[in-house]
Each structure stands twice: as C-alpha cells, then as structure tokens.
Amino acid sequence: MINLRIVTQSVVLKTKIGMDKESFDDEPLYYCKRCLSLNIRQMPMAEDKSYCEDCGNVDIVESSFEEWDELYVEKYGHHYLEKEEKKEKKWPYWY
C-alpha cells in the first residue's frame, strides 16, 4: 500500500524545488470523495487505510490534478489555486 503522507509530502517538496510540469502531472493526487480535501492521513494502526483529516471520510480517491480541480470548481465555484492566492494576499492578517 502506498503511504499517502509520504506521497503528499513528496509532491509538495517537488513543487517547491521546481519540478518540471510534465513530471509533476504524472504524480497521483489523493483526495476525499466527500469534501474534495487533499488533507489525507493514514490510519495509525492500519497501514492500508486512509481517511480525510477534515471530515473523517474514508472514501479516498486517486486522480490527476486537472480532474480533481474540475470537481472542485463544480462544488465550490472557484479553482483551488485561486483560493490559495486569495489567502496569500490577506497575509499578514493584522494589516
């Protein structure tokens, strides 16, 4: 079974160090089928089981980023990366 935490950390690290787009697109994306969260954790005593840290759902799905982003837009009305850009603009929050 794939350790999802390591895969997620690997994708984040590769993104930060400038991994080229073609290689990045080959990486699988794991998300919660209920809330579309990327915050997936592995159950401590069951290495083959994962769950969503945000809603507790155990129905975890694998897809490409593009497929997941389309679902995200349908559910939330904006692209995930647009949300992240808005967060960055608001920081620091005390200004």
Protein backbone atom coordinates (compact mmCIF):
# COMPACT_ATOMS: atom_id res chain seq x y z
CA MET A 1 0.00 0.00 0.00
CA ILE A 2 1.19 3.49 -0.82
CA ASN A 3 1.98 5.73 2.15
CA LEU A 4 -0.17 8.75 1.26
CA ARG A 5 1.56 11.07 3.69
CA ILE A 6 4.93 10.41 2.04
CA VAL A 7 3.44 10.83 -1.45
CA THR A 8 1.79 14.13 -0.47
CA GLN A 9 4.97 15.43 1.15
CA SER A 10 6.92 14.33 -1.92
CA VAL A 11 4.59 16.23 -4.26
CA VAL A 12 4.81 19.37 -2.13
CA LEU A 13 8.61 19.15 -1.91
CA LYS A 14 9.00 18.56 -5.65
CA THR A 15 6.76 21.55 -6.34
CA LYS A 16 8.79 23.79 -4.07
CA ILE A 17 12.11 22.79 -5.64
CA GLY A 18 10.88 23.50 -9.17
CA MET A 19 9.94 20.10 -10.54
CA ASP A 20 9.07 20.40 -14.22
CA LYS A 21 5.37 20.38 -15.15
CA GLU A 22 5.46 17.13 -17.15
CA SER A 23 6.88 15.14 -14.24
CA PHE A 24 4.53 16.81 -11.77
CA ASP A 25 1.49 15.86 -13.87
CA ASP A 26 2.49 12.19 -13.58
CA GLU A 27 2.15 12.27 -9.78
CA PRO A 28 -1.15 10.86 -8.49
CA LEU A 29 -3.40 13.08 -6.40
CA TYR A 30 -5.34 11.59 -3.48
CA TYR A 31 -8.43 13.38 -2.21
CA CYS A 32 -11.57 12.89 -0.14
CA LYS A 33 -14.54 11.94 -2.26
CA ARG A 34 -16.99 13.74 0.07
CA CYS A 35 -15.36 17.16 0.62
CA LEU A 36 -12.54 17.07 -2.01
CA SER A 37 -9.94 17.81 0.65
CA LEU A 38 -6.29 16.98 -0.03
CA ASN A 39 -5.67 16.59 3.70
CA ILE A 40 -5.43 12.79 3.67
CA ARG A 41 -3.92 10.83 6.55
CA GLN A 42 -3.07 7.21 7.09
CA MET A 43 -4.73 5.39 9.98
CA PRO A 44 -2.11 4.71 12.67
CA MET A 45 -2.82 1.00 13.19
CA ALA A 46 -3.91 0.16 9.63
CA GLU A 47 -1.32 0.99 7.01
CA ASP A 48 -3.68 0.12 4.15
CA LYS A 49 -6.42 2.52 5.35
CA SER A 50 -6.55 6.29 4.91
CA TYR A 51 -9.02 8.96 5.95
CA CYS A 52 -9.79 12.63 5.40
CA GLU A 53 -8.43 14.78 8.21
CA ASP A 54 -11.09 17.45 7.54
CA CYS A 55 -14.34 15.42 7.52
CA GLY A 56 -13.33 11.90 8.64
CA ASN A 57 -14.47 10.20 5.43
CA VAL A 58 -12.60 7.02 4.47
CA ASP A 59 -13.57 7.10 0.78
CA ILE A 60 -10.28 8.31 -0.71
CA VAL A 61 -9.94 8.66 -4.48
CA GLU A 62 -6.91 8.95 -6.79
CA SER A 63 -6.94 11.16 -9.90
CA SER A 64 -4.97 13.77 -11.79
CA PHE A 65 -4.90 17.37 -10.61
CA GLU A 66 -6.96 18.53 -13.61
CA GLU A 67 -9.78 16.03 -12.91
CA TRP A 68 -9.82 16.94 -9.22
CA ASP A 69 -9.79 20.69 -9.96
CA GLU A 70 -12.82 20.32 -12.26
CA LEU A 71 -14.71 18.62 -9.41
CA TYR A 72 -13.54 21.35 -7.02
CA VAL A 73 -14.87 24.09 -9.32
CA GLU A 74 -18.24 22.29 -9.60
CA LYS A 75 -18.53 22.01 -5.81
CA TYR A 76 -17.02 25.30 -4.58
CA GLY A 77 -17.35 27.64 -7.59
CA HIS A 78 -13.66 28.53 -7.98
CA HIS A 79 -10.34 26.87 -8.69
CA TYR A 80 -8.37 25.62 -5.69
CA LEU A 81 -5.32 27.68 -6.63
CA GLU A 82 -7.43 30.87 -6.78
CA LYS A 83 -8.38 30.24 -3.15
CA GLU A 84 -4.72 29.87 -2.21
CA GLU A 85 -3.83 33.13 -4.00
CA LYS A 86 -6.51 34.98 -2.02
CA LYS A 87 -5.09 33.59 1.22
CA GLU A 88 -1.63 34.83 0.33
CA LYS A 89 -2.92 38.35 -0.39
CA LYS A 90 -4.58 38.57 3.03
CA TRP A 91 -1.41 37.71 4.92
CA PRO A 92 -0.41 39.14 7.32
CA TYR A 93 -3.90 39.18 8.72
CA TRP A 94 -3.31 42.06 11.16
CA TYR A 95 -2.86 44.62 8.34
